């Protein structure tokens, strides 16, 4: 569910407006489940990640203090922005290489 959420947010910013009525509903439809189950699964996954991941890695990736666990929405928004930035950086490098060639 988490990967689908990140991809959907990257593809369409409308999902940022209302996760409960848009994002979780669309993911739930895809997997034939309830939106509440999608939210619960992602929340549980993030709790487990936060508990089992080294504090230094969390600080490095999220640039947050360790004691401040991000919400599901904040996590998805942050990761989707990083994915978009990586894709943008990659496409920009490819364009520069094409121009040089």
Protein backbone atom coordinates (compact mmCIF):
# COMPACT_ATOMS: atom_id res chain seq x y z
CA UNK A 1 0.00 0.00 0.00
CA UNK A 2 2.80 2.39 0.86
CA UNK A 3 4.48 2.09 -2.52
CA UNK A 4 1.16 2.63 -4.27
CA UNK A 5 0.51 5.70 -2.13
CA UNK A 6 3.90 7.21 -2.99
CA UNK A 7 3.45 6.52 -6.70
CA UNK A 8 -0.07 7.96 -6.77
CA UNK A 9 1.04 11.14 -5.00
CA UNK A 10 3.95 11.51 -7.43
CA UNK A 11 1.62 11.11 -10.40
CA UNK A 12 -1.23 13.31 -9.21
CA UNK A 13 -1.10 16.06 -6.60
CA UNK A 14 -4.88 15.89 -6.04
CA UNK A 15 -4.20 13.14 -3.51
CA UNK A 16 -2.41 15.62 -1.24
CA UNK A 17 -5.69 17.44 -0.61
CA UNK A 18 -7.45 14.59 1.14
CA UNK A 19 -5.73 11.30 1.86
CA UNK A 20 -8.75 9.69 3.51
CA UNK A 21 -11.27 10.44 0.77
CA UNK A 22 -8.99 10.11 -2.24
CA UNK A 23 -5.72 8.26 -1.72
CA UNK A 24 -6.78 5.52 0.69
CA UNK A 25 -10.04 4.96 -1.19
CA UNK A 26 -8.28 4.45 -4.54
CA UNK A 27 -5.72 2.08 -3.03
CA UNK A 28 -8.48 0.18 -1.21
CA UNK A 29 -10.39 -0.26 -4.49
CA UNK A 30 -7.28 -1.65 -6.17
CA UNK A 31 -6.84 -4.28 -3.45
CA UNK A 32 -10.54 -4.86 -2.75
CA UNK A 33 -10.35 -3.76 0.87
CA UNK A 34 -11.44 -0.85 3.07
CA UNK A 35 -9.67 2.53 3.21
CA UNK A 36 -9.32 2.08 6.98
CA UNK A 37 -7.32 -1.11 6.37
CA UNK A 38 -4.99 0.74 4.01
CA UNK A 39 -4.34 3.46 6.60
CA UNK A 40 -3.89 0.92 9.39
CA UNK A 41 -1.41 -1.14 7.36
CA UNK A 42 0.68 1.86 6.38
CA UNK A 43 0.62 3.21 9.96
CA UNK A 44 1.74 -0.13 11.35
CA UNK A 45 4.52 -0.39 8.78
CA UNK A 46 5.81 3.07 9.65
CA UNK A 47 5.71 2.33 13.40
CA UNK A 48 7.72 -0.85 12.85
CA UNK A 49 10.18 0.99 10.60
CA UNK A 50 10.64 3.70 13.20
CA UNK A 51 11.26 1.18 15.98
CA UNK A 52 13.61 -1.09 14.01
CA UNK A 53 15.59 1.48 12.02
CA UNK A 54 18.76 2.99 13.40
CA UNK A 55 18.25 6.50 14.73
CA UNK A 56 21.08 7.88 12.56
CA UNK A 57 19.45 6.63 9.36
CA UNK A 58 16.10 8.20 10.23
CA UNK A 59 17.75 11.51 11.10
CA UNK A 60 19.81 11.42 7.91
CA UNK A 61 16.91 10.60 5.60
CA UNK A 62 14.17 12.70 7.15
CA UNK A 63 16.31 15.44 8.68
CA UNK A 64 14.14 15.22 11.78
CA UNK A 65 14.87 14.69 15.39
CA UNK A 66 14.56 11.01 16.24
CA UNK A 67 11.88 11.53 18.88
CA UNK A 68 9.56 13.12 16.34
CA UNK A 69 7.95 10.35 14.31
CA UNK A 70 6.39 11.64 11.07
CA UNK A 71 2.69 11.11 10.42
CA UNK A 72 1.61 8.83 7.57
CA UNK A 73 0.73 11.84 5.43
CA UNK A 74 4.03 13.61 6.20
CA UNK A 75 5.99 10.45 5.42
CA UNK A 76 4.26 9.89 2.08
CA UNK A 77 4.61 13.55 1.12
CA UNK A 78 8.30 13.64 2.03
CA UNK A 79 9.21 10.42 0.24
CA UNK A 80 7.20 11.35 -2.87
CA UNK A 81 9.04 14.69 -3.03
CA UNK A 82 12.38 12.89 -2.77
CA UNK A 83 11.38 10.45 -5.50
CA UNK A 84 10.32 13.31 -7.77
CA UNK A 85 13.57 15.16 -7.08
CA UNK A 86 15.65 12.07 -7.89
CA UNK A 87 13.71 11.56 -11.12
CA UNK A 88 14.10 15.24 -12.02
CA UNK A 89 17.84 15.17 -11.29
CA UNK A 90 18.23 12.02 -13.37
CA UNK A 91 16.32 13.45 -16.35
CA UNK A 92 18.26 16.73 -16.13
CA UNK A 93 21.58 14.85 -16.20
CA UNK A 94 20.43 12.81 -19.20
CA UNK A 95 19.42 15.97 -21.08
CA UNK A 96 22.82 17.55 -20.37
CA UNK A 97 24.62 14.44 -21.58
CA UNK A 98 22.52 14.41 -24.76
CA UNK A 99 23.38 18.05 -25.47
CA UNK A 100 27.11 17.37 -24.99
CA UNK A 101 27.09 14.39 -27.34
